[in-house]
N, C-alpha and C. Protein backbone atom coordinates (compact mmCIF):
# COMPACT_ATOMS: atom_id res chain seq x y z
N UNK A 1 16.79 -10.23 37.15
CA UNK A 1 17.32 -12.21 37.32
C UNK A 1 15.97 -11.77 36.45
N UNK A 2 16.71 -13.11 35.63
CA UNK A 2 15.54 -13.77 34.92
C UNK A 2 14.99 -15.23 35.93
N UNK A 3 13.88 -15.42 36.13
CA UNK A 3 13.74 -17.14 36.71
C UNK A 3 13.69 -17.61 35.74
N UNK A 4 13.67 -18.73 36.06
CA UNK A 4 13.47 -19.53 35.47
C UNK A 4 15.11 -20.17 34.65
N UNK A 5 15.73 -19.37 34.22
CA UNK A 5 16.68 -19.78 33.24
C UNK A 5 17.11 -20.66 33.24
N UNK A 6 17.86 -22.30 32.38
CA UNK A 6 18.43 -23.08 32.96
C UNK A 6 19.73 -23.28 32.03
N UNK A 7 20.43 -23.64 32.67
CA UNK A 7 22.13 -23.91 31.39
C UNK A 7 21.84 -25.10 30.98
N UNK A 8 22.30 -25.69 29.81
CA UNK A 8 22.73 -27.18 29.67
C UNK A 8 22.86 -28.04 30.69
N UNK A 9 22.74 -28.89 30.60
CA UNK A 9 22.70 -29.85 32.01
C UNK A 9 24.43 -30.14 31.76
N UNK A 10 25.13 -30.38 33.05
CA UNK A 10 26.37 -30.67 33.42
C UNK A 10 27.30 -31.41 32.65
N UNK A 11 28.54 -31.52 32.79
CA UNK A 11 29.15 -32.60 32.24
C UNK A 11 28.86 -33.41 33.29
N UNK A 12 29.87 -34.43 32.80
CA UNK A 12 30.00 -35.42 34.35
C UNK A 12 31.08 -34.50 35.09
N UNK A 13 30.69 -34.97 36.46
CA UNK A 13 31.28 -34.05 37.88
C UNK A 13 32.94 -34.99 37.91
N UNK A 14 33.59 -33.80 38.06
CA UNK A 14 34.80 -34.19 38.33
C UNK A 14 34.89 -34.74 40.62
N UNK A 15 35.20 -35.57 40.33
CA UNK A 15 35.31 -36.45 41.65
C UNK A 15 36.30 -36.69 42.10
N UNK A 16 36.59 -36.55 43.61
CA UNK A 16 37.59 -36.23 44.27
C UNK A 16 37.65 -37.01 45.79
N UNK A 17 38.66 -38.26 45.78
CA UNK A 17 38.27 -39.18 47.03
C UNK A 17 40.24 -38.70 47.58
N UNK A 18 40.14 -38.94 48.90
CA UNK A 18 41.36 -38.29 50.26
C UNK A 18 40.39 -39.17 51.11
N UNK A 19 41.09 -40.47 51.16
CA UNK A 19 40.29 -40.52 52.13
C UNK A 19 41.72 -42.13 52.48
N UNK A 20 42.18 -42.19 53.59
CA UNK A 20 42.99 -43.36 53.45
C UNK A 20 42.09 -45.03 53.82
N UNK A 21 43.20 -45.87 52.79
CA UNK A 21 42.28 -47.38 52.29
C UNK A 21 42.05 -48.03 53.49
N UNK A 22 42.74 -47.88 54.76
CA UNK A 22 42.04 -48.44 56.11
C UNK A 22 40.81 -48.36 56.31
N UNK A 23 40.25 -47.23 56.41
CA UNK A 23 39.08 -46.90 56.47
C UNK A 23 38.06 -47.45 55.41
N UNK A 24 38.47 -47.23 53.99
CA UNK A 24 37.66 -48.24 53.66
C UNK A 24 36.66 -47.26 53.16
N UNK A 25 36.10 -46.21 53.68
CA UNK A 25 35.16 -44.51 52.82
C UNK A 25 35.42 -44.00 51.71
N UNK A 26 34.02 -44.04 50.72
CA UNK A 26 34.47 -43.46 49.59
C UNK A 26 33.32 -42.96 49.17
N UNK A 27 33.79 -41.62 48.23
CA UNK A 27 32.37 -40.95 47.77
C UNK A 27 32.62 -41.72 46.68
N UNK A 28 31.20 -42.15 46.45
CA UNK A 28 31.16 -43.32 44.84
C UNK A 28 30.16 -43.11 44.06
N UNK A 29 29.65 -41.54 44.33
CA UNK A 29 29.06 -41.17 43.90
C UNK A 29 28.27 -39.29 43.80
N UNK A 30 28.79 -38.79 42.63
CA UNK A 30 28.61 -37.48 43.66
C UNK A 30 27.85 -36.78 41.39
N UNK A 31 26.65 -36.36 41.82
CA UNK A 31 25.95 -35.95 40.80
C UNK A 31 25.09 -34.49 40.54
N UNK A 32 25.89 -33.33 39.91
CA UNK A 32 24.91 -32.14 40.52
C UNK A 32 24.06 -32.31 38.45
N UNK A 33 23.01 -31.53 39.44
CA UNK A 33 22.17 -30.98 38.23
C UNK A 33 22.55 -30.11 37.64
N UNK A 34 21.48 -29.56 36.87
CA UNK A 34 21.42 -28.49 35.83
C UNK A 34 20.71 -26.64 36.86
N UNK A 35 21.72 -25.70 37.14
CA UNK A 35 21.69 -24.51 37.91
C UNK A 35 20.42 -24.03 37.14
N UNK A 36 19.66 -23.15 38.16
CA UNK A 36 18.88 -22.08 37.73
C UNK A 36 18.33 -21.40 38.72
N UNK A 37 18.48 -19.84 38.00
CA UNK A 37 18.29 -19.07 38.81
C UNK A 37 17.13 -19.02 39.31
N UNK A 38 17.18 -18.35 41.50
CA UNK A 38 16.38 -18.79 42.63
C UNK A 38 16.86 -18.16 43.36
N UNK A 39 15.93 -17.74 44.09
CA UNK A 39 16.17 -16.63 45.70
C UNK A 39 15.97 -17.81 46.34
N UNK A 40 15.80 -18.79 46.30
CA UNK A 40 16.72 -19.85 47.62
C UNK A 40 17.59 -20.19 48.24
N UNK A 41 17.42 -20.35 49.92
CA UNK A 41 19.11 -20.07 50.16
C UNK A 41 19.64 -21.83 49.90
N UNK A 42 20.28 -22.27 50.26
CA UNK A 42 21.09 -23.48 50.03
C UNK A 42 20.64 -24.48 50.63
N UNK A 43 21.10 -25.63 50.53
CA UNK A 43 20.27 -26.96 51.47
C UNK A 43 20.83 -28.18 51.49
N UNK A 44 20.51 -28.90 52.77
CA UNK A 44 21.04 -30.24 52.35
C UNK A 44 20.63 -30.92 53.26
N UNK A 45 20.65 -31.77 53.08
CA UNK A 45 19.86 -33.73 53.28
C UNK A 45 20.97 -34.64 53.38
N UNK A 46 20.76 -35.16 54.78
CA UNK A 46 21.42 -36.79 54.41
C UNK A 46 20.79 -37.58 54.74
N UNK A 47 20.63 -38.98 54.75
CA UNK A 47 19.84 -39.60 55.24
C UNK A 47 21.14 -41.43 55.59
N UNK A 48 20.73 -42.03 56.21
CA UNK A 48 21.70 -43.00 56.31
C UNK A 48 20.86 -44.28 56.10
N UNK A 49 21.92 -45.21 55.39
CA UNK A 49 21.92 -46.70 55.14
C UNK A 49 22.37 -47.46 54.94
N UNK A 50 22.34 -49.04 54.55
CA UNK A 50 23.20 -50.02 54.87
C UNK A 50 24.85 -49.24 54.06
N UNK A 51 25.90 -49.37 55.43
CA UNK A 51 27.22 -48.79 54.56
C UNK A 51 27.29 -47.90 54.23
N UNK A 52 26.12 -47.27 54.36
CA UNK A 52 26.69 -45.87 54.15
C UNK A 52 25.93 -44.12 54.18
N UNK A 53 25.94 -43.31 53.57
CA UNK A 53 24.89 -42.03 53.95
C UNK A 53 24.87 -41.91 52.34
N UNK A 54 24.08 -41.22 52.31
CA UNK A 54 23.46 -40.69 50.68
C UNK A 54 23.25 -38.55 51.09
N UNK A 55 24.10 -37.84 50.83
CA UNK A 55 23.50 -36.93 50.42
C UNK A 55 23.11 -35.93 49.15
N UNK A 56 22.17 -34.96 49.56
CA UNK A 56 21.74 -34.18 48.75
C UNK A 56 20.89 -32.82 49.31
N UNK A 57 21.21 -31.82 48.17
CA UNK A 57 20.80 -30.18 48.27
C UNK A 57 21.32 -30.07 47.15
N UNK A 58 21.62 -28.41 47.80
CA UNK A 58 21.58 -27.79 46.38
C UNK A 58 22.36 -26.20 47.07
N UNK A 59 23.65 -26.05 45.49
CA UNK A 59 24.69 -24.56 46.13
C UNK A 59 23.64 -23.84 45.56
N UNK A 60 24.57 -22.73 46.54
CA UNK A 60 24.19 -21.64 45.95
C UNK A 60 25.14 -21.29 45.25
N UNK A 61 24.86 -20.43 43.52
CA UNK A 61 26.29 -20.62 43.07
C UNK A 61 25.93 -18.89 42.07
N UNK A 62 27.43 -18.18 42.19
CA UNK A 62 26.81 -17.61 41.60
C UNK A 62 26.02 -16.82 40.08
N UNK A 63 26.32 -18.27 39.04
CA UNK A 63 25.59 -17.93 38.32
C UNK A 63 25.19 -19.37 38.04
N UNK A 64 24.24 -19.88 37.53
CA UNK A 64 23.39 -21.60 36.94
C UNK A 64 24.95 -22.36 35.89
N UNK A 65 25.51 -21.76 35.45
CA UNK A 65 26.81 -22.35 34.45
C UNK A 65 27.25 -22.79 35.59
N UNK A 66 27.80 -22.58 36.63
CA UNK A 66 28.97 -22.81 37.80
C UNK A 66 29.05 -24.88 37.60
N UNK A 67 29.90 -25.66 37.53
CA UNK A 67 30.54 -26.54 37.46
C UNK A 67 30.54 -27.04 39.63
N UNK A 68 30.19 -27.84 39.52
CA UNK A 68 30.16 -28.53 41.11
C UNK A 68 31.76 -29.04 41.01
N UNK A 69 31.64 -30.10 42.44
CA UNK A 69 33.23 -30.73 42.68
C UNK A 69 32.81 -30.39 43.66
N UNK A 70 33.33 -32.12 44.31
CA UNK A 70 32.64 -32.28 45.87
C UNK A 70 34.20 -33.78 46.38
N UNK A 71 34.54 -33.11 47.39
CA UNK A 71 35.77 -34.07 47.96
C UNK A 71 35.81 -34.46 49.62
N UNK A 72 35.87 -35.61 49.39
CA UNK A 72 35.16 -36.36 51.08
C UNK A 72 36.75 -36.60 51.53
N UNK A 73 36.90 -35.52 52.97
CA UNK A 73 37.91 -36.15 53.63
C UNK A 73 37.72 -36.86 55.17
N UNK A 74 38.45 -37.26 55.50
CA UNK A 74 37.65 -38.98 56.61
C UNK A 74 39.39 -38.02 57.95
N UNK A 75 39.16 -37.37 58.56
CA UNK A 75 39.88 -36.57 59.74
C UNK A 75 40.41 -37.30 60.48
N UNK A 76 39.54 -38.08 60.36
CA UNK A 76 39.64 -39.43 61.83
C UNK A 76 38.27 -40.56 62.02
N UNK A 77 38.47 -41.45 62.25
CA UNK A 77 38.17 -42.43 62.32
C UNK A 77 36.62 -42.09 63.14
N UNK A 78 35.31 -42.49 62.27
CA UNK A 78 33.61 -42.06 62.30
C UNK A 78 33.45 -40.23 62.19
N UNK A 79 34.48 -39.87 61.86
CA UNK A 79 34.09 -38.71 60.93
C UNK A 79 34.63 -38.27 60.34
N UNK A 80 33.76 -37.79 59.12
CA UNK A 80 33.12 -36.95 56.98
C UNK A 80 33.05 -36.11 57.09
N UNK A 81 34.19 -35.61 56.48
CA UNK A 81 33.89 -34.04 56.03
C UNK A 81 33.68 -34.40 54.60
N UNK A 82 32.26 -33.39 53.83
CA UNK A 82 32.63 -33.15 52.32
C UNK A 82 32.12 -31.69 51.79
N UNK A 83 33.39 -31.80 51.57
CA UNK A 83 33.17 -30.79 50.81
C UNK A 83 32.93 -30.22 49.37
N UNK A 84 31.54 -29.22 48.95
CA UNK A 84 31.68 -29.14 48.07
C UNK A 84 31.34 -27.63 47.74
N UNK A 85 32.40 -27.20 45.70
CA UNK A 85 32.67 -26.26 45.74
C UNK A 85 32.45 -25.73 44.13
N UNK A 86 32.29 -24.39 43.76
CA UNK A 86 31.62 -24.29 42.82
C UNK A 86 32.54 -23.56 41.84
N UNK A 87 33.50 -23.86 40.67
CA UNK A 87 33.79 -23.40 39.28
C UNK A 87 33.25 -22.84 37.97
N UNK A 88 33.57 -21.76 37.92
CA UNK A 88 32.59 -20.74 36.94
C UNK A 88 33.09 -21.92 35.65
N UNK A 89 31.74 -21.17 34.59
CA UNK A 89 31.88 -22.28 33.42
C UNK A 89 32.89 -21.45 31.91
N UNK A 90 32.90 -21.74 30.81
CA UNK A 90 34.29 -20.47 30.32
C UNK A 90 32.78 -20.11 28.96
N UNK A 91 31.55 -20.74 29.30
CA UNK A 91 30.48 -20.56 28.23
C UNK A 91 29.84 -19.42 29.32
N UNK A 92 29.10 -18.64 28.39
CA UNK A 92 28.41 -17.17 28.29
C UNK A 92 27.42 -17.84 28.93
N UNK A 93 26.90 -17.18 30.41
CA UNK A 93 26.03 -17.64 31.16
C UNK A 93 25.46 -16.31 31.63
N UNK A 94 23.80 -16.41 31.84
CA UNK A 94 22.56 -15.19 32.67
C UNK A 94 23.96 -14.53 34.04
N UNK A 95 23.69 -13.77 34.03
CA UNK A 95 24.17 -13.68 36.02
C UNK A 95 23.35 -13.41 36.47
N UNK A 96 22.99 -14.26 37.01
CA UNK A 96 21.72 -14.29 38.42
C UNK A 96 22.44 -15.35 39.66
N UNK A 97 21.84 -15.46 40.65
CA UNK A 97 22.26 -16.26 41.51
C UNK A 97 21.15 -17.23 41.24
N UNK A 98 22.41 -18.87 41.67
CA UNK A 98 21.64 -20.35 41.24
C UNK A 98 21.75 -21.18 42.29
N UNK A 99 20.63 -21.84 42.92
CA UNK A 99 20.89 -23.16 43.02
C UNK A 99 20.95 -24.45 42.04
N UNK A 100 22.36 -25.26 42.72
CA UNK A 100 22.67 -25.98 41.73
C UNK A 100 22.66 -27.58 42.52
N UNK A 101 21.38 -28.52 41.82
CA UNK A 101 21.43 -29.41 43.05
C UNK A 101 22.01 -30.71 43.05
N UNK A 102 22.44 -31.39 43.59
CA UNK A 102 22.90 -32.20 43.45
C UNK A 102 22.69 -33.45 44.24
N UNK A 103 23.33 -34.77 44.01
CA UNK A 103 22.95 -35.77 44.69
C UNK A 103 24.12 -36.58 45.43
N UNK A 104 24.87 -37.34 46.01
CA UNK A 104 25.70 -37.92 46.42
C UNK A 104 25.52 -39.40 46.83
N UNK A 105 26.47 -39.53 46.82
CA UNK A 105 26.50 -41.15 48.44
C UNK A 105 27.81 -41.62 47.95
N UNK A 106 27.92 -41.85 49.77
CA UNK A 106 29.75 -42.38 49.54
C UNK A 106 29.03 -44.04 50.47
N UNK A 107 30.27 -44.83 50.48
CA UNK A 107 30.12 -46.11 50.55
C UNK A 107 31.03 -47.15 51.34
N UNK A 108 31.26 -48.09 51.90
CA UNK A 108 32.24 -48.51 52.58
C UNK A 108 32.22 -47.95 53.93
N UNK A 109 30.87 -47.30 54.38
CA UNK A 109 31.58 -46.70 56.33
C UNK A 109 30.90 -48.48 57.08
N UNK A 110 31.32 -48.65 57.85
CA UNK A 110 31.74 -49.23 59.00
C UNK A 110 30.64 -49.35 59.82
N UNK A 111 29.49 -50.11 59.74
CA UNK A 111 28.69 -50.49 61.29
C UNK A 111 28.82 -49.45 62.38
N UNK A 112 27.66 -48.25 62.66
CA UNK A 112 28.11 -47.41 64.05
C UNK A 112 27.44 -46.47 63.67
N UNK A 113 28.31 -45.19 64.47
CA UNK A 113 27.74 -44.26 64.48
C UNK A 113 28.84 -43.07 63.68
N UNK A 114 28.61 -42.02 62.73
CA UNK A 114 29.39 -41.36 61.57
C UNK A 114 29.13 -40.30 61.80
N UNK A 115 30.00 -39.32 62.51
CA UNK A 115 30.36 -37.68 62.15
C UNK A 115 30.01 -37.33 61.20
N UNK A 116 29.11 -36.19 59.87
CA UNK A 116 29.13 -36.13 59.20
C UNK A 116 29.01 -34.06 58.65
N UNK A 117 30.50 -33.51 57.89
CA UNK A 117 29.39 -32.34 58.72
C UNK A 117 29.86 -31.63 56.46
N UNK A 118 29.06 -31.14 56.08
CA UNK A 118 28.93 -30.70 54.80
C UNK A 118 29.52 -29.47 54.73
N UNK A 119 30.31 -28.97 54.09
CA UNK A 119 30.33 -27.60 53.94
C UNK A 119 29.99 -27.06 52.00
N UNK A 120 29.85 -25.67 51.43
CA UNK A 120 29.48 -25.38 50.60
C UNK A 120 30.54 -24.72 50.42
N UNK A 121 31.87 -24.55 49.86
CA UNK A 121 32.43 -23.42 50.47
C UNK A 121 33.10 -23.92 51.71
N UNK A 122 33.27 -22.58 51.87
CA UNK A 122 34.00 -23.15 53.58
C UNK A 122 32.68 -22.29 55.06
N UNK A 123 31.47 -22.27 53.96
CA UNK A 123 30.19 -22.63 54.72
C UNK A 123 29.78 -24.01 55.18
N UNK A 124 29.46 -23.80 56.37
CA UNK A 124 29.60 -25.34 56.98
C UNK A 124 27.44 -25.12 56.85
N UNK A 125 27.17 -26.31 56.66
CA UNK A 125 25.50 -26.43 56.68
C UNK A 125 25.09 -27.78 56.58
N UNK A 126 25.41 -29.09 57.01
CA UNK A 126 25.64 -29.59 57.92
C UNK A 126 26.01 -30.44 58.99
N UNK A 127 26.05 -30.22 59.90
CA UNK A 127 26.82 -31.63 60.90
C UNK A 127 25.68 -31.71 62.03
N UNK A 128 25.60 -33.26 61.68
CA UNK A 128 25.32 -34.53 62.80
C UNK A 128 25.70 -35.69 63.17
N UNK A 129 25.31 -36.26 63.56
CA UNK A 129 25.65 -38.04 63.61
C UNK A 129 24.77 -38.57 63.22
N UNK A 130 25.08 -40.05 62.58
CA UNK A 130 24.44 -41.11 61.75
C UNK A 130 24.72 -42.03 61.98
N UNK A 131 23.82 -43.17 62.00
CA UNK A 131 24.22 -44.46 62.47
C UNK A 131 23.91 -45.11 61.74
N UNK A 132 24.77 -45.42 61.05
CA UNK A 132 24.63 -46.09 59.84
C UNK A 132 24.83 -47.85 59.77
N UNK A 133 23.94 -48.72 58.87
CA UNK A 133 23.94 -50.22 59.80
C UNK A 133 24.48 -50.72 59.12
N UNK A 134 24.62 -51.98 59.51
CA UNK A 134 25.54 -52.89 58.06
C UNK A 134 25.38 -53.27 56.81
N UNK A 135 25.75 -53.58 55.74
CA UNK A 135 25.30 -54.18 54.79
C UNK A 135 24.96 -55.03 54.13
């Protein structure tokens, strides 16, 4: 494993929105960073803010050159599911486990308690309630 290998900065993130318009929540920003070989585990952190939630973390991928995609689902009122997936790159890349950092923010949440689950592929990494303040 080559420690510290970094791929070129990723291209613009692909963003998917699958939310009923009546709830108004949307994934406004999802920005992955450059991946690097690492033996550290995947991680997620969430911060409640006025009108939304900010999610940051690191996705454990098979290579540092994978690209990340985020899909925000809204299965019921007061519940959000953020699923982050990785796709391989067509360019040559060092073969090592890698962490790919990311940051995202959703907006348009009504004041109150929101249940957020964050998945990396099929693995649940975050499952908690958050108090969102008015914008």
